[in-house]
Amino acid sequence: HWAPGDLLEIAPRQRAERVAAWLQPLGLAADSRVEIGGVTLKLAT
């Protein structure tokens, strides 16, 4: 439920093509595994 005038806060994401272009000069594999807050993810994600 929300009232008139209220807001929605959205957690945005980088677009996948932007991530790929930014990561390429660093020489790291996009599918490398990393951890954020106890969750294991691919680096690109």
All heavy atoms as atom14 arrays in JSON, in Angstrom:
{
  "sequence": "HWAPGDLLEIAPRQRAERVAAWLQPLGLAADSRVEIGGVTLKLAT",
  "atom14_mask": [
    [1, 1, 1, 1, 1, 1, 1, 1, 1, 1, 0, 0, 0, 0],
    [1, 1, 1, 1, 1, 1, 1, 1, 1, 1, 1, 1, 1, 1],
    [1, 1, 1, 1, 1, 0, 0, 0, 0, 0, 0, 0, 0, 0],
    [1, 1, 1, 1, 1, 1, 1, 0, 0, 0, 0, 0, 0, 0],
    [1, 1, 1, 1, 0, 0, 0, 0, 0, 0, 0, 0, 0, 0],
    [1, 1, 1, 1, 1, 1, 1, 1, 0, 0, 0, 0, 0, 0],
    [1, 1, 1, 1, 1, 1, 1, 1, 0, 0, 0, 0, 0, 0],
    [1, 1, 1, 1, 1, 1, 1, 1, 0, 0, 0, 0, 0, 0],
    [1, 1, 1, 1, 1, 1, 1, 1, 1, 0, 0, 0, 0, 0],
    [1, 1, 1, 1, 1, 1, 1, 1, 0, 0, 0, 0, 0, 0],
    [1, 1, 1, 1, 1, 0, 0, 0, 0, 0, 0, 0, 0, 0],
    [1, 1, 1, 1, 1, 1, 1, 0, 0, 0, 0, 0, 0, 0],
    [1, 1, 1, 1, 1, 1, 1, 1, 1, 1, 1, 0, 0, 0],
    [1, 1, 1, 1, 1, 1, 1, 1, 1, 0, 0, 0, 0, 0],
    [1, 1, 1, 1, 1, 1, 1, 1, 1, 1, 1, 0, 0, 0],
    [1, 1, 1, 1, 1, 0, 0, 0, 0, 0, 0, 0, 0, 0],
    [1, 1, 1, 1, 1, 1, 1, 1, 1, 0, 0, 0, 0, 0],
    [1, 1, 1, 1, 1, 1, 1, 1, 1, 1, 1, 0, 0, 0],
    [1, 1, 1, 1, 1, 1, 1, 0, 0, 0, 0, 0, 0, 0],
    [1, 1, 1, 1, 1, 0, 0, 0, 0, 0, 0, 0, 0, 0],
    [1, 1, 1, 1, 1, 0, 0, 0, 0, 0, 0, 0, 0, 0],
    [1, 1, 1, 1, 1, 1, 1, 1, 1, 1, 1, 1, 1, 1],
    [1, 1, 1, 1, 1, 1, 1, 1, 0, 0, 0, 0, 0, 0],
    [1, 1, 1, 1, 1, 1, 1, 1, 1, 0, 0, 0, 0, 0],
    [1, 1, 1, 1, 1, 1, 1, 0, 0, 0, 0, 0, 0, 0],
    [1, 1, 1, 1, 1, 1, 1, 1, 0, 0, 0, 0, 0, 0],
    [1, 1, 1, 1, 0, 0, 0, 0, 0, 0, 0, 0, 0, 0],
    [1, 1, 1, 1, 1, 1, 1, 1, 0, 0, 0, 0, 0, 0],
    [1, 1, 1, 1, 1, 0, 0, 0, 0, 0, 0, 0, 0, 0],
    [1, 1, 1, 1, 1, 0, 0, 0, 0, 0, 0, 0, 0, 0],
    [1, 1, 1, 1, 1, 1, 1, 1, 0, 0, 0, 0, 0, 0],
    [1, 1, 1, 1, 1, 1, 0, 0, 0, 0, 0, 0, 0, 0],
    [1, 1, 1, 1, 1, 1, 1, 1, 1, 1, 1, 0, 0, 0],
    [1, 1, 1, 1, 1, 1, 1, 0, 0, 0, 0, 0, 0, 0],
    [1, 1, 1, 1, 1, 1, 1, 1, 1, 0, 0, 0, 0, 0],
    [1, 1, 1, 1, 1, 1, 1, 1, 0, 0, 0, 0, 0, 0],
    [1, 1, 1, 1, 0, 0, 0, 0, 0, 0, 0, 0, 0, 0],
    [1, 1, 1, 1, 0, 0, 0, 0, 0, 0, 0, 0, 0, 0],
    [1, 1, 1, 1, 1, 1, 1, 0, 0, 0, 0, 0, 0, 0],
    [1, 1, 1, 1, 1, 1, 1, 0, 0, 0, 0, 0, 0, 0],
    [1, 1, 1, 1, 1, 1, 1, 1, 0, 0, 0, 0, 0, 0],
    [1, 1, 1, 1, 1, 1, 1, 1, 1, 0, 0, 0, 0, 0],
    [1, 1, 1, 1, 1, 1, 1, 1, 0, 0, 0, 0, 0, 0],
    [1, 1, 1, 1, 1, 0, 0, 0, 0, 0, 0, 0, 0, 0],
    [1, 1, 1, 1, 1, 1, 1, 0, 0, 0, 0, 0, 0, 0]
  ],
  "atom14_positions": [
    [[0.86, -1.19, 0.0], [0.0, 0.0, 0.0], [0.89, 1.23, 0.0], [1.93, 1.26, 0.65], [-0.92, 0.03, 1.22], [-1.8, 1.24, 1.26], [-2.95, 1.37, 0.5], [-1.65, 2.41, 1.94], [-3.49, 2.56, 0.71], [-2.73, 3.2, 1.58], [0.0, 0.0, 0.0], [0.0, 0.0, 0.0], [0.0, 0.0, 0.0], [0.0, 0.0, 0.0]],
    [[0.46, 2.23, -0.73], [1.16, 3.51, -0.71], [0.13, 4.62, -0.78], [-1.0, 4.42, -1.2], [2.15, 3.61, -1.86], [1.55, 3.52, -3.24], [1.12, 4.56, -4.02], [1.29, 2.33, -4.0], [0.62, 4.09, -5.22], [0.73, 2.73, -5.23], [1.51, 0.97, -3.76], [0.35, 1.82, -6.22], [1.14, 0.06, -4.74], [0.57, 0.48, -5.96]],
    [[0.53, 5.8, -0.34], [-0.35, 6.96, -0.32], [0.03, 7.91, -1.45], [1.16, 7.85, -1.96], [-0.25, 7.67, 1.03], [0.0, 0.0, 0.0], [0.0, 0.0, 0.0], [0.0, 0.0, 0.0], [0.0, 0.0, 0.0], [0.0, 0.0, 0.0], [0.0, 0.0, 0.0], [0.0, 0.0, 0.0], [0.0, 0.0, 0.0], [0.0, 0.0, 0.0]],
    [[-0.87, 8.79, -1.87], [-0.53, 9.75, -2.92], [0.65, 10.6, -2.5], [0.7, 11.11, -1.38], [-1.81, 10.58, -3.08], [-2.61, 10.32, -1.85], [-2.27, 8.94, -1.42], [0.0, 0.0, 0.0], [0.0, 0.0, 0.0], [0.0, 0.0, 0.0], [0.0, 0.0, 0.0], [0.0, 0.0, 0.0], [0.0, 0.0, 0.0], [0.0, 0.0, 0.0]],
    [[1.62, 10.74, -3.39], [2.84, 11.49, -3.1], [4.01, 10.61, -2.72], [5.15, 11.08, -2.67], [0.0, 0.0, 0.0], [0.0, 0.0, 0.0], [0.0, 0.0, 0.0], [0.0, 0.0, 0.0], [0.0, 0.0, 0.0], [0.0, 0.0, 0.0], [0.0, 0.0, 0.0], [0.0, 0.0, 0.0], [0.0, 0.0, 0.0], [0.0, 0.0, 0.0]],
    [[3.77, 9.32, -2.43], [4.85, 8.43, -2.02], [5.78, 8.1, -3.19], [5.48, 8.37, -4.36], [4.29, 7.14, -1.42], [3.83, 7.32, 0.02], [4.11, 8.38, 0.6], [3.18, 6.4, 0.55], [0.0, 0.0, 0.0], [0.0, 0.0, 0.0], [0.0, 0.0, 0.0], [0.0, 0.0, 0.0], [0.0, 0.0, 0.0], [0.0, 0.0, 0.0]],
    [[6.92, 7.49, -2.84], [7.99, 7.21, -3.79], [8.26, 5.72, -3.86], [7.95, 4.98, -2.91], [9.27, 7.94, -3.38], [9.16, 9.43, -3.09], [10.45, 9.94, -2.43], [8.87, 10.21, -4.36], [0.0, 0.0, 0.0], [0.0, 0.0, 0.0], [0.0, 0.0, 0.0], [0.0, 0.0, 0.0], [0.0, 0.0, 0.0], [0.0, 0.0, 0.0]],
    [[8.86, 5.3, -4.96], [9.4, 3.95, -5.05], [10.91, 4.06, -5.18], [11.41, 4.76, -6.07], [8.83, 3.2, -6.27], [9.22, 1.72, -6.33], [8.52, 0.93, -5.24], [8.94, 1.12, -7.7], [0.0, 0.0, 0.0], [0.0, 0.0, 0.0], [0.0, 0.0, 0.0], [0.0, 0.0, 0.0], [0.0, 0.0, 0.0], [0.0, 0.0, 0.0]],
    [[11.62, 3.39, -4.28], [13.08, 3.34, -4.35], [13.49, 2.09, -5.11], [13.08, 0.98, -4.75], [13.68, 3.32, -2.94], [13.52, 4.63, -2.21], [14.25, 4.65, -0.89], [14.42, 3.57, -0.27], [14.66, 5.73, -0.46], [0.0, 0.0, 0.0], [0.0, 0.0, 0.0], [0.0, 0.0, 0.0], [0.0, 0.0, 0.0], [0.0, 0.0, 0.0]],
    [[14.29, 2.27, -6.15], [14.69, 1.17, -7.01], [16.2, 1.01, -6.94], [16.95, 1.99, -7.02], [14.26, 1.42, -8.47], [12.73, 1.36, -8.57], [14.88, 0.41, -9.42], [12.2, 1.65, -9.96], [0.0, 0.0, 0.0], [0.0, 0.0, 0.0], [0.0, 0.0, 0.0], [0.0, 0.0, 0.0], [0.0, 0.0, 0.0], [0.0, 0.0, 0.0]],
    [[16.65, -0.24, -6.8], [18.08, -0.54, -6.88], [18.42, -0.78, -8.35], [18.04, -1.81, -8.92], [18.4, -1.78, -6.05], [0.0, 0.0, 0.0], [0.0, 0.0, 0.0], [0.0, 0.0, 0.0], [0.0, 0.0, 0.0], [0.0, 0.0, 0.0], [0.0, 0.0, 0.0], [0.0, 0.0, 0.0], [0.0, 0.0, 0.0], [0.0, 0.0, 0.0]],
    [[19.13, 0.16, -8.99], [19.4, 0.01, -10.42], [20.54, -0.97, -10.66], [21.24, -1.39, -9.73], [19.8, 1.42, -10.84], [20.46, 1.99, -9.62], [19.71, 1.39, -8.45], [0.0, 0.0, 0.0], [0.0, 0.0, 0.0], [0.0, 0.0, 0.0], [0.0, 0.0, 0.0], [0.0, 0.0, 0.0], [0.0, 0.0, 0.0], [0.0, 0.0, 0.0]],
    [[20.74, -1.32, -11.9], [21.84, -2.21, -12.3], [22.52, -1.62, -13.53], [21.9, -0.95, -14.35], [21.33, -3.62, -12.61], [20.62, -4.29, -11.43], [20.21, -5.71, -11.76], [21.36, -6.61, -11.76], [21.78, -7.28, -10.7], [21.16, -7.14, -9.55], [22.82, -8.09, -10.78], [0.0, 0.0, 0.0], [0.0, 0.0, 0.0], [0.0, 0.0, 0.0]],
    [[23.81, -1.89, -13.63], [24.53, -1.57, -14.85], [24.05, -2.52, -15.95], [23.8, -3.7, -15.71], [26.04, -1.76, -14.65], [26.67, -0.92, -13.57], [27.0, 0.49, -14.05], [26.69, 0.88, -15.17], [27.65, 1.25, -13.17], [0.0, 0.0, 0.0], [0.0, 0.0, 0.0], [0.0, 0.0, 0.0], [0.0, 0.0, 0.0], [0.0, 0.0, 0.0]],
    [[23.94, -2.01, -17.17], [23.58, -2.88, -18.28], [24.74, -3.83, -18.6], [25.91, -3.48, -18.45], [23.2, -2.05, -19.49], [21.87, -1.29, -19.3], [21.53, -0.44, -20.48], [22.55, 0.57, -20.69], [22.86, 1.1, -21.87], [22.25, 0.66, -22.96], [23.78, 2.03, -21.97], [0.0, 0.0, 0.0], [0.0, 0.0, 0.0], [0.0, 0.0, 0.0]],
    [[24.41, -5.03, -19.03], [25.41, -6.08, -19.24], [26.49, -5.64, -20.22], [27.68, -5.94, -20.02], [24.74, -7.36, -19.73], [0.0, 0.0, 0.0], [0.0, 0.0, 0.0], [0.0, 0.0, 0.0], [0.0, 0.0, 0.0], [0.0, 0.0, 0.0], [0.0, 0.0, 0.0], [0.0, 0.0, 0.0], [0.0, 0.0, 0.0], [0.0, 0.0, 0.0]],
    [[26.12, -4.93, -21.28], [27.13, -4.52, -22.26], [28.1, -3.5, -21.69], [29.27, -3.47, -22.05], [26.46, -3.97, -23.52], [25.52, -2.8, -23.32], [24.08, -3.22, -23.11], [23.85, -4.31, -22.55], [23.18, -2.44, -23.49], [0.0, 0.0, 0.0], [0.0, 0.0, 0.0], [0.0, 0.0, 0.0], [0.0, 0.0, 0.0], [0.0, 0.0, 0.0]],
    [[27.62, -2.65, -20.77], [28.49, -1.68, -20.11], [29.5, -2.41, -19.23], [30.69, -2.08, -19.22], [27.64, -0.71, -19.29], [28.39, 0.13, -18.27], [29.39, 1.06, -18.88], [30.03, 1.89, -17.87], [31.24, 2.42, -17.97], [31.96, 2.22, -19.07], [31.75, 3.15, -17.01], [0.0, 0.0, 0.0], [0.0, 0.0, 0.0], [0.0, 0.0, 0.0]],
    [[29.04, -3.42, -18.48], [29.93, -4.2, -17.62], [31.0, -4.9, -18.45], [32.2, -4.87, -18.12], [29.14, -5.23, -16.8], [30.08, -6.2, -16.08], [28.25, -4.53, -15.78], [0.0, 0.0, 0.0], [0.0, 0.0, 0.0], [0.0, 0.0, 0.0], [0.0, 0.0, 0.0], [0.0, 0.0, 0.0], [0.0, 0.0, 0.0], [0.0, 0.0, 0.0]],
    [[30.61, -5.51, -19.56], [31.57, -6.24, -20.39], [32.65, -5.3, -20.94], [33.84, -5.64, -20.93], [30.83, -6.93, -21.53], [0.0, 0.0, 0.0], [0.0, 0.0, 0.0], [0.0, 0.0, 0.0], [0.0, 0.0, 0.0], [0.0, 0.0, 0.0], [0.0, 0.0, 0.0], [0.0, 0.0, 0.0], [0.0, 0.0, 0.0], [0.0, 0.0, 0.0]],
    [[32.23, -4.13, -21.41], [33.2, -3.18, -21.96], [34.14, -2.65, -20.88], [35.34, -2.46, -21.11], [32.46, -2.03, -22.64], [0.0, 0.0, 0.0], [0.0, 0.0, 0.0], [0.0, 0.0, 0.0], [0.0, 0.0, 0.0], [0.0, 0.0, 0.0], [0.0, 0.0, 0.0], [0.0, 0.0, 0.0], [0.0, 0.0, 0.0], [0.0, 0.0, 0.0]],
    [[33.61, -2.41, -19.68], [34.42, -1.88, -18.59], [35.39, -2.92, -18.06], [36.53, -2.61, -17.7], [33.49, -1.41, -17.46], [34.2, -0.72, -16.33], [34.52, 0.6, -16.24], [34.68, -1.33, -15.13], [35.16, 0.85, -15.06], [35.27, -0.31, -14.35], [34.65, -2.64, -14.63], [35.84, -0.56, -13.1], [35.21, -2.88, -13.39], [35.8, -1.86, -12.64]],
    [[34.98, -4.17, -18.02], [35.8, -5.24, -17.45], [36.94, -5.66, -18.38], [38.01, -6.09, -17.9], [34.89, -6.44, -17.14], [35.5, -7.63, -16.39], [36.1, -7.19, -15.06], [34.44, -8.7, -16.19], [0.0, 0.0, 0.0], [0.0, 0.0, 0.0], [0.0, 0.0, 0.0], [0.0, 0.0, 0.0], [0.0, 0.0, 0.0], [0.0, 0.0, 0.0]],
    [[36.76, -5.53, -19.67], [37.71, -6.07, -20.64], [39.15, -5.58, -20.41], [40.09, -6.4, -20.41], [37.23, -5.73, -22.05], [37.95, -6.45, -23.17], [39.2, -5.71, -23.61], [39.25, -4.46, -23.5], [40.2, -6.44, -24.07], [0.0, 0.0, 0.0], [0.0, 0.0, 0.0], [0.0, 0.0, 0.0], [0.0, 0.0, 0.0], [0.0, 0.0, 0.0]],
    [[39.42, -4.27, -20.17], [40.81, -3.84, -19.98], [41.48, -4.41, -18.73], [42.71, -4.42, -18.64], [40.71, -2.31, -19.88], [39.39, -1.97, -20.48], [38.5, -3.13, -20.17], [0.0, 0.0, 0.0], [0.0, 0.0, 0.0], [0.0, 0.0, 0.0], [0.0, 0.0, 0.0], [0.0, 0.0, 0.0], [0.0, 0.0, 0.0], [0.0, 0.0, 0.0]],
    [[40.71, -4.9, -17.76], [41.29, -5.4, -16.52], [41.75, -6.85, -16.63], [42.44, -7.36, -15.75], [40.27, -5.26, -15.38], [39.89, -3.83, -15.0], [38.8, -3.84, -13.93], [41.11, -3.04, -14.52], [0.0, 0.0, 0.0], [0.0, 0.0, 0.0], [0.0, 0.0, 0.0], [0.0, 0.0, 0.0], [0.0, 0.0, 0.0], [0.0, 0.0, 0.0]],
    [[41.35, -7.53, -17.7], [41.83, -8.88, -17.94], [41.3, -9.94, -17.01], [41.91, -11.0, -16.86], [0.0, 0.0, 0.0], [0.0, 0.0, 0.0], [0.0, 0.0, 0.0], [0.0, 0.0, 0.0], [0.0, 0.0, 0.0], [0.0, 0.0, 0.0], [0.0, 0.0, 0.0], [0.0, 0.0, 0.0], [0.0, 0.0, 0.0], [0.0, 0.0, 0.0]],
    [[40.16, -9.68, -16.37], [39.55, -10.67, -15.48], [38.41, -11.37, -16.18], [37.67, -10.77, -16.96], [39.04, -9.98, -14.2], [40.1, -9.37, -13.29], [39.44, -8.56, -12.19], [41.01, -10.44, -12.7], [0.0, 0.0, 0.0], [0.0, 0.0, 0.0], [0.0, 0.0, 0.0], [0.0, 0.0, 0.0], [0.0, 0.0, 0.0], [0.0, 0.0, 0.0]],
    [[38.23, -12.64, -15.89], [37.17, -13.42, -16.53], [35.81, -13.03, -15.96], [35.64, -12.94, -14.74], [37.41, -14.91, -16.32], [0.0, 0.0, 0.0], [0.0, 0.0, 0.0], [0.0, 0.0, 0.0], [0.0, 0.0, 0.0], [0.0, 0.0, 0.0], [0.0, 0.0, 0.0], [0.0, 0.0, 0.0], [0.0, 0.0, 0.0], [0.0, 0.0, 0.0]],
    [[34.86, -12.79, -16.85], [33.53, -12.37, -16.43], [32.84, -13.41, -15.56], [32.01, -13.07, -14.72], [32.67, -12.06, -17.65], [0.0, 0.0, 0.0], [0.0, 0.0, 0.0], [0.0, 0.0, 0.0], [0.0, 0.0, 0.0], [0.0, 0.0, 0.0], [0.0, 0.0, 0.0], [0.0, 0.0, 0.0], [0.0, 0.0, 0.0], [0.0, 0.0, 0.0]],
    [[33.21, -14.7, -15.73], [32.55, -15.75, -14.95], [33.32, -16.15, -13.69], [33.02, -17.17, -13.06], [32.28, -16.98, -15.82], [33.57, -17.57, -16.4], [34.64, -17.0, -16.18], [33.47, -18.61, -17.1], [0.0, 0.0, 0.0], [0.0, 0.0, 0.0], [0.0, 0.0, 0.0], [0.0, 0.0, 0.0], [0.0, 0.0, 0.0], [0.0, 0.0, 0.0]],
    [[34.33, -15.33, -13.32], [35.02, -15.56, -12.04], [34.01, -15.48, -10.9], [33.06, -14.7, -10.96], [36.13, -14.52, -11.83], [37.08, -14.55, -12.86], [0.0, 0.0, 0.0], [0.0, 0.0, 0.0], [0.0, 0.0, 0.0], [0.0, 0.0, 0.0], [0.0, 0.0, 0.0], [0.0, 0.0, 0.0], [0.0, 0.0, 0.0], [0.0, 0.0, 0.0]],
    [[34.23, -16.29, -9.86], [33.28, -16.31, -8.75], [33.7, -15.34, -7.65], [34.87, -15.29, -7.25], [33.18, -17.72, -8.17], [32.6, -18.73, -9.15], [31.12, -18.48, -9.38], [30.58, -19.3, -10.46], [29.29, -19.4, -10.73], [28.42, -18.72, -9.99], [28.87, -20.14, -11.73], [0.0, 0.0, 0.0], [0.0, 0.0, 0.0], [0.0, 0.0, 0.0]],
    [[32.73, -14.55, -7.18], [32.97, -13.61, -6.08], [31.82, -13.74, -5.08], [30.79, -14.35, -5.38], [33.06, -12.15, -6.59], [34.24, -11.97, -7.54], [31.76, -11.73, -7.28], [0.0, 0.0, 0.0], [0.0, 0.0, 0.0], [0.0, 0.0, 0.0], [0.0, 0.0, 0.0], [0.0, 0.0, 0.0], [0.0, 0.0, 0.0], [0.0, 0.0, 0.0]],
    [[32.0, -13.14, -3.92], [30.98, -13.22, -2.87], [30.56, -11.82, -2.43], [31.42, -10.96, -2.19], [31.52, -14.0, -1.68], [30.48, -14.25, -0.59], [31.01, -15.1, 0.54], [31.39, -16.26, 0.28], [31.06, -14.58, 1.68], [0.0, 0.0, 0.0], [0.0, 0.0, 0.0], [0.0, 0.0, 0.0], [0.0, 0.0, 0.0], [0.0, 0.0, 0.0]],
    [[29.26, -11.6, -2.35], [28.71, -10.35, -1.82], [27.65, -10.71, -0.79], [26.66, -11.37, -1.12], [28.08, -9.49, -2.94], [29.13, -9.04, -3.95], [27.41, -8.26, -2.33], [28.56, -8.18, -5.07], [0.0, 0.0, 0.0], [0.0, 0.0, 0.0], [0.0, 0.0, 0.0], [0.0, 0.0, 0.0], [0.0, 0.0, 0.0], [0.0, 0.0, 0.0]],
    [[27.88, -10.3, 0.45], [26.89, -10.56, 1.5], [26.58, -12.02, 1.7], [25.43, -12.39, 1.98], [0.0, 0.0, 0.0], [0.0, 0.0, 0.0], [0.0, 0.0, 0.0], [0.0, 0.0, 0.0], [0.0, 0.0, 0.0], [0.0, 0.0, 0.0], [0.0, 0.0, 0.0], [0.0, 0.0, 0.0], [0.0, 0.0, 0.0], [0.0, 0.0, 0.0]],
    [[27.57, -12.88, 1.52], [27.37, -14.29, 1.72], [26.79, -15.03, 0.53], [26.56, -16.24, 0.61], [0.0, 0.0, 0.0], [0.0, 0.0, 0.0], [0.0, 0.0, 0.0], [0.0, 0.0, 0.0], [0.0, 0.0, 0.0], [0.0, 0.0, 0.0], [0.0, 0.0, 0.0], [0.0, 0.0, 0.0], [0.0, 0.0, 0.0], [0.0, 0.0, 0.0]],
    [[26.57, -14.31, -0.58], [26.02, -14.93, -1.79], [27.12, -14.99, -2.85], [27.81, -14.0, -3.11], [24.82, -14.12, -2.32], [24.28, -14.74, -3.61], [23.72, -14.05, -1.26], [0.0, 0.0, 0.0], [0.0, 0.0, 0.0], [0.0, 0.0, 0.0], [0.0, 0.0, 0.0], [0.0, 0.0, 0.0], [0.0, 0.0, 0.0], [0.0, 0.0, 0.0]],
    [[27.29, -16.14, -3.48], [28.3, -16.31, -4.52], [27.69, -15.97, -5.88], [26.61, -16.45, -6.24], [28.84, -17.75, -4.54], [29.43, -18.04, -3.26], [29.89, -17.92, -5.63], [0.0, 0.0, 0.0], [0.0, 0.0, 0.0], [0.0, 0.0, 0.0], [0.0, 0.0, 0.0], [0.0, 0.0, 0.0], [0.0, 0.0, 0.0], [0.0, 0.0, 0.0]],
    [[28.41, -15.12, -6.63], [27.94, -14.64, -7.92], [29.07, -14.68, -8.94], [30.24, -14.7, -8.58], [27.44, -13.18, -7.81], [26.34, -12.86, -6.81], [26.25, -11.35, -6.64], [25.01, -13.41, -7.29], [0.0, 0.0, 0.0], [0.0, 0.0, 0.0], [0.0, 0.0, 0.0], [0.0, 0.0, 0.0], [0.0, 0.0, 0.0], [0.0, 0.0, 0.0]],
    [[28.7, -14.63, -10.21], [29.7, -14.39, -11.24], [30.17, -12.93, -11.15], [29.39, -12.04, -10.78], [29.12, -14.65, -12.63], [28.82, -16.11, -12.92], [28.28, -16.27, -14.33], [27.99, -17.75, -14.64], [27.46, -17.92, -16.01], [0.0, 0.0, 0.0], [0.0, 0.0, 0.0], [0.0, 0.0, 0.0], [0.0, 0.0, 0.0], [0.0, 0.0, 0.0]],
    [[31.41, -12.68, -11.49], [31.96, -11.33, -11.4], [31.12, -10.34, -12.21], [30.81, -9.25, -11.72], [33.41, -11.32, -11.9], [34.09, -9.95, -11.99], [34.12, -9.26, -10.63], [35.51, -10.09, -12.55], [0.0, 0.0, 0.0], [0.0, 0.0, 0.0], [0.0, 0.0, 0.0], [0.0, 0.0, 0.0], [0.0, 0.0, 0.0], [0.0, 0.0, 0.0]],
    [[30.76, -10.69, -13.42], [29.99, -9.77, -14.26], [28.66, -9.42, -13.61], [28.22, -8.26, -13.65], [29.77, -10.38, -15.64], [0.0, 0.0, 0.0], [0.0, 0.0, 0.0], [0.0, 0.0, 0.0], [0.0, 0.0, 0.0], [0.0, 0.0, 0.0], [0.0, 0.0, 0.0], [0.0, 0.0, 0.0], [0.0, 0.0, 0.0], [0.0, 0.0, 0.0]],
    [[28.01, -10.4, -13.01], [26.73, -10.15, -12.33], [26.92, -9.22, -11.14], [26.13, -8.3, -10.92], [26.1, -11.47, -11.88], [25.93, -12.32, -13.02], [24.76, -11.24, -11.21], [0.0, 0.0, 0.0], [0.0, 0.0, 0.0], [0.0, 0.0, 0.0], [0.0, 0.0, 0.0], [0.0, 0.0, 0.0], [0.0, 0.0, 0.0], [0.0, 0.0, 0.0]]
  ]
}
